[in-house]
N, C-alpha and C. Protein backbone atom coordinates (compact mmCIF):
# COMPACT_ATOMS: atom_id res chain seq x y z
N MET A 1 -89.52 -209.56 126.41
CA MET A 1 -89.27 -210.91 126.76
C MET A 1 -88.97 -211.70 125.40
N VAL A 2 -89.57 -211.27 124.35
CA VAL A 2 -89.23 -211.99 123.14
C VAL A 2 -87.81 -211.76 122.67
N ALA A 3 -87.28 -210.60 122.91
CA ALA A 3 -85.98 -210.28 122.58
C ALA A 3 -84.96 -211.19 123.41
N VAL A 4 -85.25 -211.30 124.73
CA VAL A 4 -84.47 -212.22 125.54
C VAL A 4 -84.55 -213.60 125.03
N LEU A 5 -85.65 -214.05 124.67
CA LEU A 5 -85.74 -215.50 124.20
C LEU A 5 -85.05 -215.78 122.90
N SER A 6 -85.11 -214.71 122.10
CA SER A 6 -84.53 -214.93 120.80
C SER A 6 -82.98 -214.84 121.04
N ALA A 7 -82.49 -213.97 121.93
CA ALA A 7 -81.04 -213.98 122.26
C ALA A 7 -80.65 -215.19 122.79
N LEU A 8 -81.39 -215.87 123.68
CA LEU A 8 -80.91 -217.07 124.34
C LEU A 8 -80.88 -218.22 123.30
N ILE A 9 -81.87 -218.24 122.23
CA ILE A 9 -81.83 -219.28 121.31
C ILE A 9 -80.70 -219.06 120.37
N LEU A 10 -80.30 -217.75 119.97
CA LEU A 10 -79.16 -217.73 119.11
C LEU A 10 -77.88 -217.99 119.92
N PHE A 11 -77.86 -217.65 121.12
CA PHE A 11 -76.75 -218.01 121.90
C PHE A 11 -76.47 -219.59 121.95
N GLN A 12 -77.57 -220.33 122.01
CA GLN A 12 -77.42 -221.76 121.98
C GLN A 12 -76.95 -222.26 120.64
N LEU A 13 -77.31 -221.60 119.66
CA LEU A 13 -77.03 -221.98 118.21
C LEU A 13 -75.62 -221.56 117.84
N LEU A 14 -75.04 -220.75 118.49
CA LEU A 14 -73.62 -220.13 117.97
C LEU A 14 -72.61 -221.19 117.96
N PRO A 15 -72.33 -222.03 118.87
CA PRO A 15 -71.32 -223.13 118.78
C PRO A 15 -71.51 -224.08 117.56
N SER A 16 -72.86 -224.49 117.28
CA SER A 16 -73.09 -225.30 116.18
C SER A 16 -72.81 -224.37 114.90
N LEU A 17 -72.95 -223.07 114.89
CA LEU A 17 -72.83 -222.30 113.73
C LEU A 17 -71.25 -222.26 113.46
N PHE A 18 -70.59 -222.09 114.44
CA PHE A 18 -69.15 -221.96 114.33
C PHE A 18 -68.46 -223.36 113.76
N ARG A 19 -68.96 -224.33 114.35
CA ARG A 19 -68.46 -225.77 113.98
C ARG A 19 -68.84 -226.23 112.59
N GLY A 20 -70.05 -226.09 112.21
CA GLY A 20 -70.64 -226.58 110.97
C GLY A 20 -71.21 -225.61 110.05
N GLY A 21 -71.33 -224.44 110.42
CA GLY A 21 -71.96 -223.47 109.51
C GLY A 21 -73.47 -223.65 109.60
N ILE A 22 -74.20 -223.29 108.58
CA ILE A 22 -75.53 -223.37 108.49
C ILE A 22 -76.02 -224.74 108.55
N ALA A 23 -75.36 -225.74 107.87
CA ALA A 23 -75.72 -227.21 108.13
C ALA A 23 -75.63 -227.59 109.58
N GLY A 24 -74.64 -227.08 110.24
CA GLY A 24 -74.60 -227.57 111.68
C GLY A 24 -75.74 -227.00 112.55
N VAL A 25 -76.12 -225.85 112.12
CA VAL A 25 -77.35 -225.22 113.00
C VAL A 25 -78.53 -226.07 112.59
N ARG A 26 -78.77 -226.33 111.16
CA ARG A 26 -79.81 -227.34 110.94
C ARG A 26 -79.89 -228.73 111.64
N ASP A 27 -78.60 -229.25 111.72
CA ASP A 27 -78.44 -230.42 112.39
C ASP A 27 -78.79 -230.43 113.81
N HIS A 28 -78.22 -229.26 114.53
CA HIS A 28 -78.57 -229.02 115.92
C HIS A 28 -80.14 -228.95 116.17
N ILE A 29 -80.73 -228.07 115.20
CA ILE A 29 -82.22 -227.90 115.59
C ILE A 29 -83.00 -229.21 115.21
N ALA A 30 -82.42 -230.11 114.29
CA ALA A 30 -83.08 -231.44 114.13
C ALA A 30 -82.99 -232.24 115.26
N ARG A 31 -81.71 -232.21 116.05
CA ARG A 31 -81.33 -232.93 117.10
C ARG A 31 -82.42 -232.64 118.31
N VAL A 32 -82.42 -231.30 118.47
CA VAL A 32 -83.28 -230.68 119.59
C VAL A 32 -84.84 -231.18 119.37
N ALA A 33 -85.13 -231.01 118.12
CA ALA A 33 -86.57 -231.18 117.84
C ALA A 33 -87.06 -232.79 117.96
N VAL A 34 -86.14 -233.66 117.76
CA VAL A 34 -86.53 -234.99 117.82
C VAL A 34 -86.29 -235.66 119.16
N ALA A 35 -85.67 -234.79 120.11
CA ALA A 35 -85.38 -235.35 121.42
C ALA A 35 -86.59 -235.89 122.18
N GLY A 36 -86.71 -237.13 122.46
CA GLY A 36 -87.72 -237.62 123.25
C GLY A 36 -89.19 -237.78 122.28
N VAL A 37 -89.02 -237.79 121.00
CA VAL A 37 -90.21 -237.96 120.20
C VAL A 37 -89.93 -239.31 119.42
N PRO A 38 -91.07 -240.06 119.24
CA PRO A 38 -90.90 -241.30 118.51
C PRO A 38 -90.53 -241.08 117.13
N PRO A 39 -89.75 -242.10 116.63
CA PRO A 39 -89.21 -241.94 115.13
C PRO A 39 -90.25 -241.62 114.11
N GLU A 40 -91.45 -242.07 114.31
CA GLU A 40 -92.45 -241.82 113.32
C GLU A 40 -92.96 -240.41 113.17
N HIS A 41 -92.67 -239.63 114.21
CA HIS A 41 -93.10 -238.27 114.19
C HIS A 41 -91.91 -237.33 114.21
N TRP A 42 -90.76 -237.71 113.61
CA TRP A 42 -89.67 -236.86 113.52
C TRP A 42 -89.90 -235.73 112.52
N GLY A 43 -90.35 -236.12 111.41
CA GLY A 43 -90.60 -235.19 110.33
C GLY A 43 -91.37 -233.90 110.69
N ILE A 44 -92.50 -234.31 111.37
CA ILE A 44 -93.51 -233.21 111.81
C ILE A 44 -92.88 -232.37 113.04
N ALA A 45 -92.13 -233.08 113.83
CA ALA A 45 -91.34 -232.38 115.00
C ALA A 45 -90.28 -231.31 114.34
N ILE A 46 -89.64 -231.77 113.39
CA ILE A 46 -88.59 -230.81 112.93
C ILE A 46 -89.34 -229.62 112.14
N SER A 47 -90.31 -229.97 111.40
CA SER A 47 -91.04 -228.83 110.80
C SER A 47 -91.81 -227.95 111.77
N ARG A 48 -92.26 -228.42 112.78
CA ARG A 48 -92.86 -227.53 113.89
C ARG A 48 -91.72 -226.78 114.55
N MET A 49 -90.48 -227.34 114.71
CA MET A 49 -89.51 -226.60 115.27
C MET A 49 -89.22 -225.41 114.57
N HIS A 50 -88.94 -225.67 113.20
CA HIS A 50 -88.59 -224.55 112.25
C HIS A 50 -89.69 -223.42 112.34
N LEU A 51 -90.96 -223.92 112.31
CA LEU A 51 -92.16 -222.98 112.26
C LEU A 51 -92.02 -222.14 113.63
N GLY A 52 -91.95 -222.80 114.79
CA GLY A 52 -91.95 -222.09 115.91
C GLY A 52 -90.76 -221.13 116.18
N LEU A 53 -89.66 -221.39 115.65
CA LEU A 53 -88.34 -220.58 115.56
C LEU A 53 -88.77 -219.38 114.68
N GLY A 54 -89.27 -219.61 113.52
CA GLY A 54 -89.59 -218.55 112.71
C GLY A 54 -90.61 -217.59 113.31
N VAL A 55 -91.67 -218.06 113.87
CA VAL A 55 -92.55 -217.19 114.63
C VAL A 55 -92.06 -216.33 115.70
N ILE A 56 -91.09 -216.92 116.44
CA ILE A 56 -90.41 -216.11 117.49
C ILE A 56 -89.63 -214.98 116.84
N PHE A 57 -88.84 -215.36 115.92
CA PHE A 57 -87.88 -214.35 115.22
C PHE A 57 -88.73 -213.12 114.50
N VAL A 58 -89.78 -213.62 113.91
CA VAL A 58 -90.58 -212.61 113.19
C VAL A 58 -91.32 -211.80 114.13
N SER A 59 -91.76 -212.23 115.35
CA SER A 59 -92.42 -211.41 116.30
C SER A 59 -91.35 -210.71 116.98
N ALA A 60 -90.20 -211.02 117.24
CA ALA A 60 -89.15 -210.21 117.71
C ALA A 60 -88.85 -208.97 116.87
N VAL A 61 -88.72 -209.12 115.63
CA VAL A 61 -88.57 -208.19 114.63
C VAL A 61 -89.62 -207.12 114.77
N ALA A 62 -90.95 -207.62 114.81
CA ALA A 62 -92.20 -206.85 114.68
C ALA A 62 -92.18 -206.10 116.02
N PHE A 63 -91.84 -206.64 117.24
CA PHE A 63 -91.95 -205.87 118.38
C PHE A 63 -90.81 -204.73 118.35
N TYR A 64 -89.69 -205.05 117.80
CA TYR A 64 -88.59 -204.13 117.87
C TYR A 64 -88.96 -202.95 116.96
N LEU A 65 -89.61 -203.21 115.73
CA LEU A 65 -90.00 -202.09 114.84
C LEU A 65 -91.02 -201.28 115.58
N ALA A 66 -92.04 -201.92 116.31
CA ALA A 66 -93.11 -201.28 116.88
C ALA A 66 -92.68 -200.50 118.07
N GLN A 67 -91.58 -200.90 118.76
CA GLN A 67 -90.92 -200.10 119.77
C GLN A 67 -90.27 -198.77 119.23
N ARG A 68 -89.54 -199.03 118.23
CA ARG A 68 -88.87 -197.89 117.48
C ARG A 68 -89.82 -196.74 117.09
N TYR A 69 -91.03 -197.28 116.40
CA TYR A 69 -91.90 -196.37 115.89
C TYR A 69 -92.72 -195.66 117.03
N LEU A 70 -93.09 -196.37 118.10
CA LEU A 70 -93.76 -195.67 119.18
C LEU A 70 -92.73 -194.76 119.98
N GLY A 71 -91.61 -195.14 120.09
CA GLY A 71 -90.59 -194.16 120.67
C GLY A 71 -90.32 -192.92 119.92
N ARG A 72 -90.26 -192.95 118.69
CA ARG A 72 -90.31 -191.84 117.88
C ARG A 72 -91.47 -190.94 117.89
N LYS A 73 -92.61 -191.72 117.71
CA LYS A 73 -93.86 -190.89 117.92
C LYS A 73 -94.01 -190.10 119.24
N LEU A 74 -93.73 -190.87 120.35
CA LEU A 74 -93.94 -190.25 121.65
C LEU A 74 -92.79 -189.07 121.77
N GLN A 75 -91.64 -189.28 121.15
CA GLN A 75 -90.70 -188.28 121.28
C GLN A 75 -91.06 -187.08 120.72
N ARG A 76 -91.69 -187.12 119.59
CA ARG A 76 -92.03 -185.94 118.74
C ARG A 76 -93.11 -185.22 119.65
N GLY A 77 -93.98 -185.95 120.34
CA GLY A 77 -95.07 -185.21 121.00
C GLY A 77 -94.59 -184.51 122.28
N THR A 78 -93.43 -184.74 122.70
CA THR A 78 -92.84 -184.08 124.10
C THR A 78 -92.37 -182.64 123.72
N PRO A 79 -92.84 -181.62 124.38
CA PRO A 79 -92.27 -180.21 124.23
C PRO A 79 -90.93 -180.15 124.42
N LYS A 80 -90.23 -179.32 123.77
CA LYS A 80 -88.80 -179.16 123.75
C LYS A 80 -88.29 -178.71 125.10
N SER A 81 -88.93 -177.81 125.87
CA SER A 81 -88.48 -177.24 127.12
C SER A 81 -88.44 -178.53 128.11
N ARG A 82 -89.55 -179.17 128.04
CA ARG A 82 -89.68 -180.25 128.99
C ARG A 82 -88.51 -181.41 128.85
N MET A 83 -88.24 -181.58 127.57
CA MET A 83 -87.29 -182.59 127.11
C MET A 83 -85.78 -181.97 127.59
N MET A 84 -85.61 -180.66 127.34
CA MET A 84 -84.32 -180.18 127.83
C MET A 84 -84.08 -180.29 129.24
N ARG A 85 -85.22 -180.11 129.95
CA ARG A 85 -85.25 -180.13 131.48
C ARG A 85 -84.84 -181.45 131.92
N PHE A 86 -85.46 -182.49 131.24
CA PHE A 86 -85.20 -183.93 131.52
C PHE A 86 -83.75 -184.40 131.26
N ASN A 87 -83.20 -183.91 130.16
CA ASN A 87 -81.85 -184.19 129.76
C ASN A 87 -80.78 -183.52 130.66
N SER A 88 -81.13 -182.47 131.23
CA SER A 88 -80.16 -181.72 132.06
C SER A 88 -79.85 -182.52 133.42
N PHE A 89 -80.62 -183.39 133.78
CA PHE A 89 -80.51 -184.11 135.09
C PHE A 89 -79.45 -185.23 134.82
N ARG A 90 -79.07 -185.57 133.59
CA ARG A 90 -78.16 -186.74 133.36
C ARG A 90 -76.69 -186.24 133.60
């Protein structure tokens, strides 16, 4: 689910990346962060948006690495004959 959320966020940021580069992405994030927020809270809203996006992307990378690690560990524990039998059905 974290990967899907990260993909959707990246998909939303692609048009602003193509139009304005990294500065365009920063502007888009700032506009989304301050939508509906009183002007006196804009600074904290933008910093929390950056923090939230960072946490999402770091957790996505951590989950991906954990998935690869566990997949390899479980793959090594499977007997070869059983694995060959499983692959023959494909």
